[in-house]
PDB file of N, CA and C in Angstrom:
ATOM      1  N   MET A   1    -312.877 161.567-247.142  1.00  0.00           N
ATOM      2  CA  MET A   1    -313.627 160.325-247.272  1.00  0.00           C
ATOM      3  C   MET A   1    -312.701 159.166-247.631  1.00  0.00           C
ATOM      4  N   MET A   2    -311.855 159.357-248.637  1.00  0.00           N
ATOM      5  CA  MET A   2    -310.958 158.300-249.078  1.00  0.00           C
ATOM      6  C   MET A   2    -309.958 157.956-247.980  1.00  0.00           C
ATOM      7  N   ARG A   3    -309.518 158.965-247.245  1.00  0.00           N
ATOM      8  CA  ARG A   3    -308.577 158.743-246.161  1.00  0.00           C
ATOM      9  C   ARG A   3    -309.209 157.892-245.049  1.00  0.00           C
ATOM     10  N   THR A   4    -310.491 158.089-244.784  1.00  0.00           N
ATOM     11  CA  THR A   4    -311.206 157.319-243.767  1.00  0.00           C
ATOM     12  C   THR A   4    -311.352 155.856-244.195  1.00  0.00           C
ATOM     13  N   VAL A   5    -311.713 155.633-245.449  1.00  0.00           N
ATOM     14  CA  VAL A   5    -311.867 154.266-245.958  1.00  0.00           C
ATOM     15  C   VAL A   5    -310.531 153.542-245.880  1.00  0.00           C
ATOM     16  N   LEU A   6    -309.455 154.193-246.241  1.00  0.00           N
ATOM     17  CA  LEU A   6    -308.133 153.600-246.179  1.00  0.00           C
ATOM     18  C   LEU A   6    -307.732 153.277-244.743  1.00  0.00           C
ATOM     19  N   ALA A   7    -308.034 154.151-243.812  1.00  0.00           N
ATOM     20  CA  ALA A   7    -307.705 153.920-242.410  1.00  0.00           C
ATOM     21  C   ALA A   7    -308.491 152.732-241.852  1.00  0.00           C
ATOM     22  N   VAL A   8    -309.765 152.630-242.212  1.00  0.00           N
ATOM     23  CA  VAL A   8    -310.587 151.506-241.755  1.00  0.00           C
ATOM     24  C   VAL A   8    -310.067 150.196-242.346  1.00  0.00           C
ATOM     25  N   ALA A   9    -309.718 150.187-243.633  1.00  0.00           N
ATOM     26  CA  ALA A   9    -309.194 148.982-244.269  1.00  0.00           C
ATOM     27  C   ALA A   9    -307.871 148.557-243.636  1.00  0.00           C
ATOM     28  N   LEU A  10    -307.009 149.492-243.324  1.00  0.00           N
ATOM     29  CA  LEU A  10    -305.738 149.206-242.684  1.00  0.00           C
ATOM     30  C   LEU A  10    -305.952 148.642-241.282  1.00  0.00           C
ATOM     31  N   ALA A  11    -306.886 149.228-240.530  1.00  0.00           N
ATOM     32  CA  ALA A  11    -307.170 148.754-239.172  1.00  0.00           C
ATOM     33  C   ALA A  11    -307.742 147.341-239.196  1.00  0.00           C
ATOM     34  N   LEU A  12    -308.657 147.060-240.116  1.00  0.00           N
ATOM     35  CA  LEU A  12    -309.233 145.722-240.218  1.00  0.00           C
ATOM     36  C   LEU A  12    -308.183 144.702-240.639  1.00  0.00           C
ATOM     37  N   GLY A  13    -307.308 145.088-241.534  1.00  0.00           N
ATOM     38  CA  GLY A  13    -306.246 144.192-241.970  1.00  0.00           C
ATOM     39  C   GLY A  13    -305.283 143.875-240.842  1.00  0.00           C
ATOM     40  N   ALA A  14    -304.988 144.852-239.996  1.00  0.00           N
ATOM     41  CA  ALA A  14    -304.090 144.625-238.862  1.00  0.00           C
ATOM     42  C   ALA A  14    -304.732 143.724-237.820  1.00  0.00           C
ATOM     43  N   ILE A  15    -306.025 143.874-237.622  1.00  0.00           N
ATOM     44  CA  ILE A  15    -306.724 143.060-236.619  1.00  0.00           C
ATOM     45  C   ILE A  15    -306.849 141.619-237.093  1.00  0.00           C
ATOM     46  N   THR A  16    -307.265 141.403-238.325  1.00  0.00           N
ATOM     47  CA  THR A  16    -307.499 140.040-238.809  1.00  0.00           C
ATOM     48  C   THR A  16    -306.213 139.329-239.191  1.00  0.00           C
ATOM     49  N   GLY A  17    -305.137 140.048-239.438  1.00  0.00           N
ATOM     50  CA  GLY A  17    -303.886 139.415-239.803  1.00  0.00           C
ATOM     51  C   GLY A  17    -303.253 138.643-238.650  1.00  0.00           C
ATOM     52  N   VAL A  18    -303.615 138.943-237.427  1.00  0.00           N
ATOM     53  CA  VAL A  18    -303.049 138.300-236.256  1.00  0.00           C
ATOM     54  C   VAL A  18    -303.832 137.040-235.894  1.00  0.00           C
ATOM     55  N   ALA A  19    -305.096 136.975-236.238  1.00  0.00           N
ATOM     56  CA  ALA A  19    -305.947 135.854-235.847  1.00  0.00           C
ATOM     57  C   ALA A  19    -305.544 134.573-236.576  1.00  0.00           C
ATOM     58  N   GLU A  20    -305.604 133.453-235.858  1.00  0.00           N
ATOM     59  CA  GLU A  20    -305.346 132.145-236.449  1.00  0.00           C
ATOM     60  C   GLU A  20    -306.591 131.295-236.245  1.00  0.00           C
ATOM     61  N   ALA A  21    -307.167 130.802-237.319  1.00  0.00           N
ATOM     62  CA  ALA A  21    -308.367 129.984-237.206  1.00  0.00           C
ATOM     63  C   ALA A  21    -308.037 128.655-236.557  1.00  0.00           C
ATOM     64  N   MET A  22    -306.897 128.055-236.926  1.00  0.00           N
ATOM     65  CA  MET A  22    -306.485 126.786-236.342  1.00  0.00           C
ATOM     66  C   MET A  22    -304.968 126.716-236.383  1.00  0.00           C
ATOM     67  N   PRO A  23    -304.327 126.802-235.242  1.00  0.00           N
ATOM     68  CA  PRO A  23    -302.866 126.728-235.255  1.00  0.00           C
ATOM     69  C   PRO A  23    -302.394 125.368-235.757  1.00  0.00           C
ATOM     70  N   LEU A  24    -301.336 125.364-236.529  1.00  0.00           N
ATOM     71  CA  LEU A  24    -300.827 124.126-237.127  1.00  0.00           C
ATOM     72  C   LEU A  24    -299.834 123.447-236.203  1.00  0.00           C
ATOM     73  N   ALA A  25    -299.897 122.115-236.148  1.00  0.00           N
ATOM     74  CA  ALA A  25    -298.914 121.337-235.405  1.00  0.00           C
ATOM     75  C   ALA A  25    -297.722 121.080-236.310  1.00  0.00           C
ATOM     76  N   ALA A  26    -296.621 120.692-235.728  1.00  0.00           N
ATOM     77  CA  ALA A  26    -295.421 120.377-236.513  1.00  0.00           C
ATOM     78  C   ALA A  26    -295.713 119.169-237.403  1.00  0.00           C
ATOM     79  N   PRO A  27    -295.115 119.090-238.593  1.00  0.00           N
ATOM     80  CA  PRO A  27    -295.352 117.944-239.485  1.00  0.00           C
ATOM     81  C   PRO A  27    -294.974 116.623-238.807  1.00  0.00           C
ATOM     82  N   GLY A  28    -295.832 115.630-238.959  1.00  0.00           N
ATOM     83  CA  GLY A  28    -295.574 114.322-238.382  1.00  0.00           C
ATOM     84  C   GLY A  28    -296.048 114.162-236.950  1.00  0.00           C
ATOM     85  N   THR A  29    -296.579 115.236-236.360  1.00  0.00           N
ATOM     86  CA  THR A  29    -297.085 115.153-234.993  1.00  0.00           C
ATOM     87  C   THR A  29    -298.542 115.561-234.990  1.00  0.00           C
ATOM     88  N   SER A  30    -299.212 115.226-233.921  1.00  0.00           N
ATOM     89  CA  SER A  30    -300.603 115.629-233.790  1.00  0.00           C
ATOM     90  C   SER A  30    -300.751 116.476-232.538  1.00  0.00           C
ATOM     91  N   ALA A  31    -301.821 117.242-232.491  1.00  0.00           N
ATOM     92  CA  ALA A  31    -302.059 118.114-231.352  1.00  0.00           C
ATOM     93  C   ALA A  31    -302.327 117.292-230.089  1.00  0.00           C
ATOM     94  N   ASN A  32    -302.979 116.156-230.231  1.00  0.00           N
ATOM     95  CA  ASN A  32    -303.204 115.267-229.090  1.00  0.00           C
ATOM     96  C   ASN A  32    -302.990 113.830-229.543  1.00  0.00           C
ATOM     97  N   GLY A  33    -302.918 112.904-228.623  1.00  0.00           N
ATOM     98  CA  GLY A  33    -302.630 111.514-228.946  1.00  0.00           C
ATOM     99  C   GLY A  33    -303.801 110.757-229.535  1.00  0.00           C
ATOM    100  N   ASP A  34    -304.975 111.364-229.635  1.00  0.00           N
ATOM    101  CA  ASP A  34    -306.161 110.680-230.134  1.00  0.00           C
ATOM    102  C   ASP A  34    -306.232 110.645-231.653  1.00  0.00           C
ATOM    103  N   VAL A  35    -305.391 111.395-232.335  1.00  0.00           N
ATOM    104  CA  VAL A  35    -305.447 111.491-233.786  1.00  0.00           C
ATOM    105  C   VAL A  35    -304.542 110.431-234.402  1.00  0.00           C
ATOM    106  N   ILE A  36    -305.097 109.617-235.306  1.00  0.00           N
ATOM    107  CA  ILE A  36    -304.329 108.581-235.995  1.00  0.00           C
ATOM    108  C   ILE A  36    -304.326 108.907-237.485  1.00  0.00           C
ATOM    109  N   ALA A  37    -303.156 109.020-238.080  1.00  0.00           N
ATOM    110  CA  ALA A  37    -303.053 109.330-239.501  1.00  0.00           C
ATOM    111  C   ALA A  37    -303.353 108.069-240.314  1.00  0.00           C
ATOM    112  N   VAL A  38    -304.275 108.175-241.261  1.00  0.00           N
ATOM    113  CA  VAL A  38    -304.616 107.055-242.137  1.00  0.00           C
ATOM    114  C   VAL A  38    -304.607 107.537-243.574  1.00  0.00           C
ATOM    115  N   ALA A  39    -304.498 106.614-244.500  1.00  0.00           N
ATOM    116  CA  ALA A  39    -304.425 106.955-245.923  1.00  0.00           C
ATOM    117  C   ALA A  39    -305.823 107.103-246.498  1.00  0.00           C
ATOM    118  N   GLY A  40    -306.309 108.312-246.596  1.00  0.00           N
ATOM    119  CA  GLY A  40    -307.597 108.575-247.240  1.00  0.00           C
ATOM    120  C   GLY A  40    -308.791 107.976-246.520  1.00  0.00           C
ATOM    121  N   GLY A  41    -308.667 107.685-245.224  1.00  0.00           N
ATOM    122  CA  GLY A  41    -309.782 107.139-244.479  1.00  0.00           C
ATOM    123  C   GLY A  41    -309.925 105.637-244.593  1.00  0.00           C
ATOM    124  N   CYS A  42    -308.985 104.963-245.239  1.00  0.00           N
ATOM    125  CA  CYS A  42    -309.071 103.509-245.436  1.00  0.00           C
ATOM    126  C   CYS A  42    -308.394 102.726-244.320  1.00  0.00           C
ATOM    127  N   GLY A  43    -307.469 103.332-243.596  1.00  0.00           N
ATOM    128  CA  GLY A  43    -306.767 102.639-242.526  1.00  0.00           C
ATOM    129  C   GLY A  43    -305.389 102.187-242.963  1.00  0.00           C
ATOM    130  N   PRO A  44    -304.570 101.719-242.008  1.00  0.00           N
ATOM    131  CA  PRO A  44    -303.223 101.297-242.336  1.00  0.00           C
ATOM    132  C   PRO A  44    -303.228 100.076-243.252  1.00  0.00           C
ATOM    133  N   GLY A  45    -302.365 100.082-244.252  1.00  0.00           N
ATOM    134  CA  GLY A  45    -302.273  98.962-245.187  1.00  0.00           C
ATOM    135  C   GLY A  45    -303.237  99.052-246.350  1.00  0.00           C
ATOM    136  N   TRP A  46    -303.989 100.130-246.426  1.00  0.00           N
ATOM    137  CA  TRP A  46    -304.978 100.319-247.497  1.00  0.00           C
ATOM    138  C   TRP A  46    -304.810 101.709-248.094  1.00  0.00           C
ATOM    139  N   HIS A  47    -305.323 101.913-249.308  1.00  0.00           N
ATOM    140  CA  HIS A  47    -305.310 103.228-249.952  1.00  0.00           C
ATOM    141  C   HIS A  47    -306.559 103.370-250.813  1.00  0.00           C
ATOM    142  N   ARG A  48    -306.849 104.603-251.225  1.00  0.00           N
ATOM    143  CA  ARG A  48    -307.999 104.871-252.090  1.00  0.00           C
ATOM    144  C   ARG A  48    -307.672 104.492-253.523  1.00  0.00           C
ATOM    145  N   GLY A  49    -308.586 103.786-254.178  1.00  0.00           N
ATOM    146  CA  GLY A  49    -308.430 103.408-255.577  1.00  0.00           C
ATOM    147  C   GLY A  49    -308.964 104.492-256.498  1.00  0.00           C
ATOM    148  N   PRO A  50    -308.936 104.259-257.805  1.00  0.00           N
ATOM    149  CA  PRO A  50    -309.355 105.276-258.760  1.00  0.00           C
ATOM    150  C   PRO A  50    -310.847 105.621-258.681  1.00  0.00           C
ATOM    151  N   TYR A  51    -311.671 104.719-258.147  1.00  0.00           N
ATOM    152  CA  TYR A  51    -313.109 105.002-258.066  1.00  0.00           C
ATOM    153  C   TYR A  51    -313.559 105.274-256.640  1.00  0.00           C
ATOM    154  N   GLY A  52    -312.607 105.523-255.725  1.00  0.00           N
ATOM    155  CA  GLY A  52    -312.943 105.901-254.367  1.00  0.00           C
ATOM    156  C   GLY A  52    -313.011 104.756-253.377  1.00  0.00           C
ATOM    157  N   GLY A  53    -312.893 103.514-253.821  1.00  0.00           N
ATOM    158  CA  GLY A  53    -312.934 102.375-252.911  1.00  0.00           C
ATOM    159  C   GLY A  53    -311.582 102.140-252.261  1.00  0.00           C
ATOM    160  N   CYS A  54    -311.564 101.396-251.161  1.00  0.00           N
ATOM    161  CA  CYS A  54    -310.320 101.078-250.467  1.00  0.00           C
ATOM    162  C   CYS A  54    -309.684  99.829-251.070  1.00  0.00           C
ATOM    163  N   LEU A  55    -308.378  99.901-251.349  1.00  0.00           N
ATOM    164  CA  LEU A  55    -307.618  98.798-251.922  1.00  0.00           C
ATOM    165  C   LEU A  55    -306.408  98.515-251.034  1.00  0.00           C
ATOM    166  N   ARG A  56    -305.975  97.239-250.985  1.00  0.00           N
ATOM    167  CA  ARG A  56    -304.780  96.888-250.209  1.00  0.00           C
ATOM    168  C   ARG A  56    -303.536  97.518-250.835  1.00  0.00           C
ATOM    169  N   ASN A  57    -302.527  97.768-250.027  1.00  0.00           N
ATOM    170  CA  ASN A  57    -301.293  98.377-250.508  1.00  0.00           C
ATOM    171  C   ASN A  57    -300.353  97.391-251.186  1.00  0.00           C
ATOM    172  N   TYR A  58    -300.606  96.109-251.150  1.00  0.00           N
ATOM    173  CA  TYR A  58    -299.733  95.149-251.786  1.00  0.00           C
ATOM    174  C   TYR A  58    -300.500  94.364-252.840  1.00  0.00           C
ATOM    175  N   ALA A  59    -299.759  93.826-253.784  1.00  0.00           N
ATOM    176  CA  ALA A  59    -300.371  93.045-254.858  1.00  0.00           C
ATOM    177  C   ALA A  59    -300.278  91.564-254.527  1.00  0.00           C
ATOM    178  N   ASN A  60    -301.212  90.797-255.011  1.00  0.00           N
ATOM    179  CA  ASN A  60    -301.204  89.350-254.845  1.00  0.00           C
ATOM    180  C   ASN A  60    -300.396  88.770-256.003  1.00  0.00           C
ATOM    181  N   PRO A  61    -299.211  88.213-255.749  1.00  0.00           N
ATOM    182  CA  PRO A  61    -298.369  87.717-256.845  1.00  0.00           C
ATOM    183  C   PRO A  61    -299.046  86.622-257.664  1.00  0.00           C
ATOM    184  N   ALA A  62    -299.924  85.827-257.053  1.00  0.00           N
ATOM    185  CA  ALA A  62    -300.591  84.745-257.778  1.00  0.00           C
ATOM    186  C   ALA A  62    -301.597  85.280-258.795  1.00  0.00           C
ATOM    187  N   ALA A  63    -302.003  86.530-258.637  1.00  0.00           N
ATOM    188  CA  ALA A  63    -302.997  87.106-259.537  1.00  0.00           C
ATOM    189  C   ALA A  63    -302.367  87.743-260.773  1.00  0.00           C
ATOM    190  N   HIS A  64    -301.046  87.744-260.875  1.00  0.00           N
ATOM    191  CA  HIS A  64    -300.356  88.392-261.988  1.00  0.00           C
ATOM    192  C   HIS A  64    -299.722  87.360-262.916  1.00  0.00           C
ATOM    193  N   ALA A  65    -299.705  87.673-264.177  1.00  0.00           N
ATOM    194  CA  ALA A  65    -299.153  86.751-265.171  1.00  0.00           C
ATOM    195  C   ALA A  65    -297.635  86.693-265.111  1.00  0.00           C
ATOM    196  N   CYS A  66    -296.984  87.799-264.751  1.00  0.00           N
ATOM    197  CA  CYS A  66    -295.523  87.860-264.711  1.00  0.00           C
ATOM    198  C   CYS A  66    -295.051  88.089-263.276  1.00  0.00           C
ATOM    199  N   PRO A  67    -293.842  87.624-262.931  1.00  0.00           N
ATOM    200  CA  PRO A  67    -293.320  87.863-261.583  1.00  0.00           C
ATOM    201  C   PRO A  67    -292.986  89.338-261.370  1.00  0.00           C
ATOM    202  N   ARG A  68    -292.733  89.688-260.109  1.00  0.00           N
ATOM    203  CA  ARG A  68    -292.403  91.074-259.759  1.00  0.00           C
ATOM    204  C   ARG A  68    -291.170  91.516-260.538  1.00  0.00           C
ATOM    205  N   GLY A  69    -291.215  92.725-261.081  1.00  0.00           N
ATOM    206  CA  GLY A  69    -290.103  93.244-261.862  1.00  0.00           C
ATOM    207  C   GLY A  69    -290.215  92.970-263.350  1.00  0.00           C
ATOM    208  N   TYR A  70    -291.297  92.302-263.774  1.00  0.00           N
ATOM    209  CA  TYR A  70    -291.527  91.998-265.186  1.00  0.00           C
ATOM    210  C   TYR A  70    -292.915  92.482-265.590  1.00  0.00           C
ATOM    211  N   HIS A  71    -293.119  92.662-266.882  1.00  0.00           N
ATOM    212  CA  HIS A  71    -294.430  93.038-267.410  1.00  0.00           C
ATOM    213  C   HIS A  71    -294.695  92.245-268.684  1.00  0.00           C
ATOM    214  N   ILE A  72    -295.939  92.235-269.097  1.00  0.00           N
ATOM    215  CA  ILE A  72    -296.308  91.527-270.329  1.00  0.00           C
ATOM    216  C   ILE A  72    -295.890  92.383-271.515  1.00  0.00           C
ATOM    217  N   GLY A  73    -295.037  91.829-272.358  1.00  0.00           N
ATOM    218  CA  GLY A  73    -294.544  92.549-273.518  1.00  0.00           C
ATOM    219  C   GLY A  73    -295.280  92.134-274.783  1.00  0.00           C
ATOM    220  N   PRO A  74    -294.747  92.473-275.962  1.00  0.00           N
ATOM    221  CA  PRO A  74    -295.366  92.104-277.222  1.00  0.00           C
ATOM    222  C   PRO A  74    -295.463  90.584-277.354  1.00  0.00           C
ATOM    223  N   GLY A  75    -296.566  90.105-277.827  1.00  0.00           N
ATOM    224  CA  GLY A  75    -296.768  88.671-277.993  1.00  0.00           C
ATOM    225  C   GLY A  75    -297.163  87.963-276.711  1.00  0.00           C
ATOM    226  N   GLY A  76    -297.346  88.688-275.607  1.00  0.00           N
ATOM    227  CA  GLY A  76    -297.782  88.097-274.349  1.00  0.00           C
ATOM    228  C   GLY A  76    -296.675  87.510-273.512  1.00  0.00           C
ATOM    229  N   ALA A  77    -295.417  87.680-273.889  1.00  0.00           N
ATOM    230  CA  ALA A  77    -294.301  87.145-273.117  1.00  0.00           C
ATOM    231  C   ALA A  77    -293.912  88.123-272.012  1.00  0.00           C
ATOM    232  N   CYS A  78    -293.391  87.609-270.913  1.00  0.00           N
ATOM    233  CA  CYS A  78    -292.942  88.445-269.802  1.00  0.00           C
ATOM    234  C   CYS A  78    -291.596  89.082-270.167  1.00  0.00           C
ATOM    235  N   ARG A  79    -291.485  90.381-269.941  1.00  0.00           N
ATOM    236  CA  ARG A  79    -290.247  91.119-270.202  1.00  0.00           C
ATOM    237  C   ARG A  79    -289.869  91.877-268.950  1.00  0.00           C
ATOM    238  N   GLY A  80    -288.579  92.075-268.729  1.00  0.00           N
ATOM    239  CA  GLY A  80    -288.110  92.830-267.579  1.00  0.00           C
ATOM    240  C   GLY A  80    -288.525  94.293-267.707  1.00  0.00           C
ATOM    241  N   ASN A  81    -288.830  94.913-266.582  1.00  0.00           N
ATOM    242  CA  ASN A  81    -289.185  96.327-266.609  1.00  0.00           C
ATOM    243  C   ASN A  81    -288.013  97.150-267.101  1.00  0.00           C
ATOM    244  N   GLY A  82    -288.273  98.114-267.936  1.00  0.00           N
ATOM    245  CA  GLY A  82    -287.223  98.959-268.490  1.00  0.00           C
ATOM    246  C   GLY A  82    -286.694  98.470-269.823  1.00  0.00           C
ATOM    247  N   ARG A  83    -287.221  97.367-270.323  1.00  0.00           N
ATOM    248  CA  ARG A  83    -286.786  96.857-271.644  1.00  0.00           C
ATOM    249  C   ARG A  83    -287.893  96.998-272.649  1.00  0.00           C
TER     250      ARG A  83
END
């Protein structure tokens, strides 16, 4: 009995081990030309935000208190990043 169960399990494993549900394409390519890679369904130039909405990939410099490469430090003054 045990020998039969083992033989059946081995046969099923050999049969299903060969099957591929969906063959994978090489990284960076698609199976056909109709597939366009996008960031989380938002489209090029956009990404998913923390609450699931689409946000632009760049920041509006006019909306920030400090220029690029600086952050607000103690006392509200702009300080260079890394200081």
